[in-house]
Amino acid sequence: MISFLRAACALLLGLFWASGSPSPGSPVWIPPHDQVARVARFVAHQCDWASVATISTHKPVAGQPFSNAFSVSDGPRGSSSGVPYMYLTRMEISVQDLEVNPVASLSMSLAQTDYCRQQGFDPQSPLCAHVILSGSVIEVNGTEAEFAKKALFSRHPEMIDWPSDHNWFFAKFNLTQVWVLDYFGGVKTVTPEEYFQASPYKQHY
């Protein structure tokens, strides 16, 4: 019975997957679970925010992991780059951690979209796909900053009016490893090369 249910879930997950951004409330389809790099790219493009864990520099938790929520975008809807960009200020507590040690981890989950709720998956279920990126956060400039601006402001328009005296800057998550949990059998890893070579979009033949 369990094997049948797993097979049914695999069939359901692999039937269709989005070529762009679904409208709110519409069905969300993801890549087949055996296409791990594509699942990772899909999750990264669907999610508008992420949990970023730093090594705290602030007492009384200095030296301990410290997780915080940040708005992210890997590109305007339908224009995925795979790179999570952020709009940061050095006034922010986690950014102060990153200035001392830029190493961090970033996690995103389809529980942040309508998908898991529509399918009846608990956020902790392996079927509710989520990814963890290992790497570091670095400031970007020039043409990459222009892309980051377009990526973020198109999906987070409120940012345009954030106070200028906070000295905002654009940054990216420079990933070194990708961890994916999207099905039974444990976490799977994806190299940066595999991740960036994959497409989050549905292929048409």
C-alpha atoms as a PDB file:
ATOM      1  CA  MET A   1       0.000   0.000   0.000  1.00  0.00           C
ATOM      2  CA  ILE A   2       2.803   2.418   0.929  1.00  0.00           C
ATOM      3  CA  SER A   3       4.624   1.635  -2.326  1.00  0.00           C
ATOM      4  CA  PHE A   4       1.421   2.353  -4.245  1.00  0.00           C
ATOM      5  CA  LEU A   5       0.943   5.690  -2.508  1.00  0.00           C
ATOM      6  CA  ARG A   6       4.542   6.703  -3.214  1.00  0.00           C
ATOM      7  CA  ALA A   7       4.143   5.778  -6.863  1.00  0.00           C
ATOM      8  CA  ALA A   8       0.921   7.766  -7.055  1.00  0.00           C
ATOM      9  CA  CYS A   9       2.641  10.792  -5.529  1.00  0.00           C
ATOM     10  CA  ALA A  10       5.494  10.473  -8.010  1.00  0.00           C
ATOM     11  CA  LEU A  11       3.027  10.386 -10.877  1.00  0.00           C
ATOM     12  CA  LEU A  12       1.183  13.416  -9.540  1.00  0.00           C
ATOM     13  CA  LEU A  13       4.370  15.419  -9.033  1.00  0.00           C
ATOM     14  CA  GLY A  14       5.708  14.637 -12.477  1.00  0.00           C
ATOM     15  CA  LEU A  15       2.618  15.145 -14.632  1.00  0.00           C
ATOM     16  CA  PHE A  16       3.059  18.867 -15.287  1.00  0.00           C
ATOM     17  CA  TRP A  17       5.215  21.738 -14.134  1.00  0.00           C
ATOM     18  CA  ALA A  18       5.020  25.461 -14.549  1.00  0.00           C
ATOM     19  CA  SER A  19       6.620  27.340 -17.424  1.00  0.00           C
ATOM     20  CA  GLY A  20       6.259  30.624 -15.573  1.00  0.00           C
ATOM     21  CA  SER A  21       4.507  31.960 -12.529  1.00  0.00           C
ATOM     22  CA  PRO A  22       1.034  30.627 -11.833  1.00  0.00           C
ATOM     23  CA  SER A  23      -1.619  33.102 -10.836  1.00  0.00           C
ATOM     24  CA  PRO A  24      -2.630  33.077  -7.154  1.00  0.00           C
ATOM     25  CA  GLY A  25      -4.872  30.132  -6.381  1.00  0.00           C
ATOM     26  CA  SER A  26      -4.126  28.310  -9.639  1.00  0.00           C
ATOM     27  CA  PRO A  27      -2.557  24.833  -9.581  1.00  0.00           C
ATOM     28  CA  VAL A  28       1.217  24.768  -9.152  1.00  0.00           C
ATOM     29  CA  TRP A  29       3.084  21.943 -10.880  1.00  0.00           C
ATOM     30  CA  ILE A  30       6.714  21.112 -10.258  1.00  0.00           C
ATOM     31  CA  PRO A  31       9.391  19.191 -12.195  1.00  0.00           C
ATOM     32  CA  PRO A  32       9.557  15.395 -11.678  1.00  0.00           C
ATOM     33  CA  HIS A  33      11.347  14.562  -8.434  1.00  0.00           C
ATOM     34  CA  ASP A  34      14.114  12.683 -10.244  1.00  0.00           C
ATOM     35  CA  GLN A  35      15.128  15.913 -12.018  1.00  0.00           C
ATOM     36  CA  VAL A  36      16.705  17.236  -8.856  1.00  0.00           C
ATOM     37  CA  ALA A  37      18.551  20.262 -10.235  1.00  0.00           C
ATOM     38  CA  ARG A  38      15.411  21.440 -11.998  1.00  0.00           C
ATOM     39  CA  VAL A  39      13.399  21.091  -8.813  1.00  0.00           C
ATOM     40  CA  ALA A  40      15.971  23.263  -7.032  1.00  0.00           C
ATOM     41  CA  ARG A  41      15.815  25.934  -9.740  1.00  0.00           C
ATOM     42  CA  PHE A  42      12.013  25.803  -9.728  1.00  0.00           C
ATOM     43  CA  VAL A  43      11.781  26.314  -5.965  1.00  0.00           C
ATOM     44  CA  ALA A  44      14.317  29.159  -6.095  1.00  0.00           C
ATOM     45  CA  HIS A  45      12.294  30.959  -8.763  1.00  0.00           C
ATOM     46  CA  GLN A  46       8.902  30.436  -7.136  1.00  0.00           C
ATOM     47  CA  CYS A  47       9.842  31.736  -3.687  1.00  0.00           C
ATOM     48  CA  ASP A  48       9.819  35.453  -2.889  1.00  0.00           C
ATOM     49  CA  TRP A  49      11.548  35.167   0.466  1.00  0.00           C
ATOM     50  CA  ALA A  50      14.051  32.942   2.209  1.00  0.00           C
ATOM     51  CA  SER A  51      15.356  32.085   5.653  1.00  0.00           C
ATOM     52  CA  VAL A  52      19.019  33.067   5.860  1.00  0.00           C
ATOM     53  CA  ALA A  53      21.155  31.666   8.674  1.00  0.00           C
ATOM     54  CA  THR A  54      24.334  33.494   9.690  1.00  0.00           C
ATOM     55  CA  ILE A  55      26.846  33.052  12.501  1.00  0.00           C
ATOM     56  CA  SER A  56      25.814  35.650  15.035  1.00  0.00           C
ATOM     57  CA  THR A  57      28.200  38.358  16.194  1.00  0.00           C
ATOM     58  CA  HIS A  58      25.746  39.704  18.766  1.00  0.00           C
ATOM     59  CA  LYS A  59      25.656  38.900  22.467  1.00  0.00           C
ATOM     60  CA  PRO A  60      24.355  36.793  24.120  1.00  0.00           C
ATOM     61  CA  VAL A  61      24.259  34.443  21.104  1.00  0.00           C
ATOM     62  CA  ALA A  62      27.601  35.313  19.506  1.00  0.00           C
ATOM     63  CA  GLY A  63      29.024  32.333  17.632  1.00  0.00           C
ATOM     64  CA  GLN A  64      25.668  30.588  17.351  1.00  0.00           C
ATOM     65  CA  PRO A  65      23.482  30.123  14.235  1.00  0.00           C
ATOM     66  CA  PHE A  66      21.037  32.998  13.742  1.00  0.00           C
ATOM     67  CA  SER A  67      18.201  32.711  11.218  1.00  0.00           C
ATOM     68  CA  ASN A  68      16.344  35.650   9.703  1.00  0.00           C
ATOM     69  CA  ALA A  69      13.833  36.225   6.896  1.00  0.00           C
ATOM     70  CA  PHE A  70      14.802  38.158   3.750  1.00  0.00           C
ATOM     71  CA  SER A  71      12.997  39.036   0.559  1.00  0.00           C
ATOM     72  CA  VAL A  72      14.743  37.422  -2.421  1.00  0.00           C
ATOM     73  CA  SER A  73      14.415  37.162  -6.187  1.00  0.00           C
ATOM     74  CA  ASP A  74      16.397  35.214  -8.751  1.00  0.00           C
ATOM     75  CA  GLY A  75      14.883  37.293 -11.558  1.00  0.00           C
ATOM     76  CA  PRO A  76      11.601  38.745 -12.761  1.00  0.00           C
ATOM     77  CA  ARG A  77       8.813  36.182 -13.175  1.00  0.00           C
ATOM     78  CA  GLY A  78       9.700  33.990 -16.123  1.00  0.00           C
ATOM     79  CA  SER A  79      13.349  35.160 -16.195  1.00  0.00           C
ATOM     80  CA  SER A  80      15.089  32.914 -13.680  1.00  0.00           C
ATOM     81  CA  SER A  81      18.840  33.287 -13.156  1.00  0.00           C
ATOM     82  CA  GLY A  82      19.077  30.824 -10.271  1.00  0.00           C
ATOM     83  CA  VAL A  83      20.916  33.417  -8.180  1.00  0.00           C
ATOM     84  CA  PRO A  84      19.005  34.673  -5.109  1.00  0.00           C
ATOM     85  CA  TYR A  85      19.434  38.457  -4.942  1.00  0.00           C
ATOM     86  CA  MET A  86      18.746  40.586  -1.868  1.00  0.00           C
ATOM     87  CA  TYR A  87      18.339  44.281  -1.025  1.00  0.00           C
ATOM     88  CA  LEU A  88      20.237  44.920   2.192  1.00  0.00           C
ATOM     89  CA  THR A  89      21.228  47.609   4.647  1.00  0.00           C
ATOM     90  CA  ARG A  90      24.140  47.503   7.068  1.00  0.00           C
ATOM     91  CA  MET A  91      21.724  48.608   9.784  1.00  0.00           C
ATOM     92  CA  GLU A  92      20.207  45.106   9.723  1.00  0.00           C
ATOM     93  CA  ILE A  93      21.387  42.686  12.425  1.00  0.00           C
ATOM     94  CA  SER A  94      22.110  39.730  10.117  1.00  0.00           C
ATOM     95  CA  VAL A  95      23.940  41.939   7.623  1.00  0.00           C
ATOM     96  CA  GLN A  96      26.219  42.974  10.477  1.00  0.00           C
ATOM     97  CA  ASP A  97      26.966  39.281  10.989  1.00  0.00           C
ATOM     98  CA  LEU A  98      27.738  38.879   7.285  1.00  0.00           C
ATOM     99  CA  GLU A  99      30.223  41.751   7.354  1.00  0.00           C
ATOM    100  CA  VAL A 100      32.257  39.767   9.878  1.00  0.00           C
ATOM    101  CA  ASN A 101      31.694  36.349   8.275  1.00  0.00           C
ATOM    102  CA  PRO A 102      29.890  36.215   4.898  1.00  0.00           C
ATOM    103  CA  VAL A 103      29.290  32.450   5.093  1.00  0.00           C
ATOM    104  CA  ALA A 104      25.607  31.586   5.372  1.00  0.00           C
ATOM    105  CA  SER A 105      22.909  29.124   4.414  1.00  0.00           C
ATOM    106  CA  LEU A 106      19.641  30.001   2.702  1.00  0.00           C
ATOM    107  CA  SER A 107      16.486  27.899   2.655  1.00  0.00           C
ATOM    108  CA  MET A 108      13.310  28.122   0.571  1.00  0.00           C
ATOM    109  CA  SER A 109      10.244  25.889   0.466  1.00  0.00           C
ATOM    110  CA  LEU A 110       7.187  25.442  -1.717  1.00  0.00           C
ATOM    111  CA  ALA A 111       5.275  25.751   1.556  1.00  0.00           C
ATOM    112  CA  GLN A 112       5.738  29.481   0.819  1.00  0.00           C
ATOM    113  CA  THR A 113       3.552  29.056  -2.283  1.00  0.00           C
ATOM    114  CA  ASP A 114       0.072  27.587  -2.779  1.00  0.00           C
ATOM    115  CA  TYR A 115       1.466  24.235  -3.903  1.00  0.00           C
ATOM    116  CA  CYS A 116       1.795  22.301  -0.638  1.00  0.00           C
ATOM    117  CA  ARG A 117      -1.505  23.573   0.697  1.00  0.00           C
ATOM    118  CA  GLN A 118      -3.272  22.574  -2.529  1.00  0.00           C
ATOM    119  CA  GLN A 119      -1.756  19.094  -2.372  1.00  0.00           C
ATOM    120  CA  GLY A 120      -2.395  18.667   1.358  1.00  0.00           C
ATOM    121  CA  PHE A 121       1.333  18.360   2.154  1.00  0.00           C
ATOM    122  CA  ASP A 122       2.644  19.434   5.542  1.00  0.00           C
ATOM    123  CA  PRO A 123       5.565  21.904   5.252  1.00  0.00           C
ATOM    124  CA  GLN A 124       7.884  19.293   6.794  1.00  0.00           C
ATOM    125  CA  SER A 125       6.793  16.548   4.383  1.00  0.00           C
ATOM    126  CA  PRO A 126       9.449  15.497   1.860  1.00  0.00           C
ATOM    127  CA  LEU A 127       6.792  15.983  -0.830  1.00  0.00           C
ATOM    128  CA  CYS A 128       6.637  19.693   0.017  1.00  0.00           C
ATOM    129  CA  ALA A 129       9.846  20.451  -1.884  1.00  0.00           C
ATOM    130  CA  HIS A 130      12.442  22.618  -0.222  1.00  0.00           C
ATOM    131  CA  VAL A 131      16.031  23.558  -0.882  1.00  0.00           C
ATOM    132  CA  ILE A 132      18.956  24.653   1.261  1.00  0.00           C
ATOM    133  CA  LEU A 133      21.789  26.597  -0.344  1.00  0.00           C
ATOM    134  CA  SER A 134      25.247  26.727   1.230  1.00  0.00           C
ATOM    135  CA  GLY A 135      27.584  29.585   0.375  1.00  0.00           C
ATOM    136  CA  SER A 136      28.145  33.251   1.164  1.00  0.00           C
ATOM    137  CA  VAL A 137      26.485  36.628   0.699  1.00  0.00           C
ATOM    138  CA  ILE A 138      28.393  39.205  -1.340  1.00  0.00           C
ATOM    139  CA  GLU A 139      27.609  42.716  -2.581  1.00  0.00           C
ATOM    140  CA  VAL A 140      27.124  43.174  -6.330  1.00  0.00           C
ATOM    141  CA  ASN A 141      27.798  46.199  -8.490  1.00  0.00           C
ATOM    142  CA  GLY A 142      27.584  47.375 -12.086  1.00  0.00           C
ATOM    143  CA  THR A 143      25.471  45.424 -14.542  1.00  0.00           C
ATOM    144  CA  GLU A 144      24.799  42.667 -12.018  1.00  0.00           C
ATOM    145  CA  ALA A 145      23.424  45.238  -9.575  1.00  0.00           C
ATOM    146  CA  GLU A 146      21.149  46.512 -12.347  1.00  0.00           C
ATOM    147  CA  PHE A 147      19.828  42.999 -12.896  1.00  0.00           C
ATOM    148  CA  ALA A 148      19.391  42.527  -9.135  1.00  0.00           C
ATOM    149  CA  LYS A 149      17.414  45.777  -8.995  1.00  0.00           C
ATOM    150  CA  LYS A 150      15.101  44.656 -11.801  1.00  0.00           C
ATOM    151  CA  ALA A 151      14.749  41.192 -10.239  1.00  0.00           C
ATOM    152  CA  LEU A 152      13.873  42.502  -6.781  1.00  0.00           C
ATOM    153  CA  PHE A 153      11.818  45.597  -7.583  1.00  0.00           C
ATOM    154  CA  SER A 154       9.638  43.687 -10.057  1.00  0.00           C
ATOM    155  CA  ARG A 155       8.623  41.216  -7.362  1.00  0.00           C
ATOM    156  CA  HIS A 156       8.903  43.459  -4.306  1.00  0.00           C
ATOM    157  CA  PRO A 157       7.710  46.885  -5.535  1.00  0.00           C
ATOM    158  CA  GLU A 158       7.496  48.239  -1.979  1.00  0.00           C
ATOM    159  CA  MET A 159      11.316  48.284  -1.945  1.00  0.00           C
ATOM    160  CA  ILE A 160      11.315  51.247  -4.334  1.00  0.00           C
ATOM    161  CA  ASP A 161      10.051  53.497  -1.529  1.00  0.00           C
ATOM    162  CA  TRP A 162      12.195  52.217   1.314  1.00  0.00           C
ATOM    163  CA  PRO A 163      14.057  55.056   3.103  1.00  0.00           C
ATOM    164  CA  SER A 164      17.149  56.162   1.169  1.00  0.00           C
ATOM    165  CA  ASP A 165      19.043  57.097   4.337  1.00  0.00           C
ATOM    166  CA  HIS A 166      19.377  53.361   5.101  1.00  0.00           C
ATOM    167  CA  ASN A 167      22.040  53.123   2.369  1.00  0.00           C
ATOM    168  CA  TRP A 168      20.582  50.059   0.695  1.00  0.00           C
ATOM    169  CA  PHE A 169      22.748  47.912  -1.525  1.00  0.00           C
ATOM    170  CA  PHE A 170      22.245  44.848  -3.709  1.00  0.00           C
ATOM    171  CA  ALA A 171      23.773  41.497  -2.810  1.00  0.00           C
ATOM    172  CA  LYS A 172      23.631  37.923  -4.018  1.00  0.00           C
ATOM    173  CA  PHE A 173      23.878  34.508  -2.465  1.00  0.00           C
ATOM    174  CA  ASN A 174      27.043  32.969  -3.931  1.00  0.00           C
ATOM    175  CA  LEU A 175      26.187  29.279  -3.630  1.00  0.00           C
ATOM    176  CA  THR A 176      28.726  26.479  -3.258  1.00  0.00           C
ATOM    177  CA  GLN A 177      26.327  23.554  -2.671  1.00  0.00           C
ATOM    178  CA  VAL A 178      22.625  22.840  -3.083  1.00  0.00           C
ATOM    179  CA  TRP A 179      20.605  20.452  -0.932  1.00  0.00           C
ATOM    180  CA  VAL A 180      17.179  19.284  -2.116  1.00  0.00           C
ATOM    181  CA  LEU A 181      14.430  17.406  -0.323  1.00  0.00           C
ATOM    182  CA  ASP A 182      11.477  16.785  -2.642  1.00  0.00           C
ATOM    183  CA  TYR A 183      10.640  13.100  -2.177  1.00  0.00           C
ATOM    184  CA  PHE A 184      11.112  10.060   0.054  1.00  0.00           C
ATOM    185  CA  GLY A 185      14.605   8.636   0.512  1.00  0.00           C
ATOM    186  CA  GLY A 186      16.489  11.522   2.064  1.00  0.00           C
ATOM    187  CA  VAL A 187      18.142  14.737   0.969  1.00  0.00           C
ATOM    188  CA  LYS A 188      19.885  14.953  -2.407  1.00  0.00           C
ATOM    189  CA  THR A 189      22.771  17.224  -3.373  1.00  0.00           C
ATOM    190  CA  VAL A 190      23.307  19.261  -6.523  1.00  0.00           C
ATOM    191  CA  THR A 191      26.541  20.940  -7.563  1.00  0.00           C
ATOM    192  CA  PRO A 192      26.510  24.604  -8.606  1.00  0.00           C
ATOM    193  CA  GLU A 193      27.307  23.510 -12.175  1.00  0.00           C
ATOM    194  CA  GLU A 194      24.314  21.152 -12.296  1.00  0.00           C
ATOM    195  CA  TYR A 195      22.105  23.776 -10.700  1.00  0.00           C
ATOM    196  CA  PHE A 196      22.890  26.563 -13.154  1.00  0.00           C
ATOM    197  CA  GLN A 197      22.695  24.265 -16.175  1.00  0.00           C
ATOM    198  CA  ALA A 198      19.164  23.182 -15.270  1.00  0.00           C
ATOM    199  CA  SER A 199      16.035  24.982 -16.427  1.00  0.00           C
ATOM    200  CA  PRO A 200      13.152  25.639 -14.035  1.00  0.00           C
ATOM    201  CA  TYR A 201      10.718  25.786 -16.919  1.00  0.00           C
ATOM    202  CA  LYS A 202       8.597  23.120 -18.552  1.00  0.00           C
ATOM    203  CA  GLN A 203      10.208  21.760 -21.701  1.00  0.00           C
ATOM    204  CA  HIS A 204       8.165  21.638 -24.881  1.00  0.00           C
ATOM    205  CA  TYR A 205       9.080  19.092 -27.524  1.00  0.00           C
END
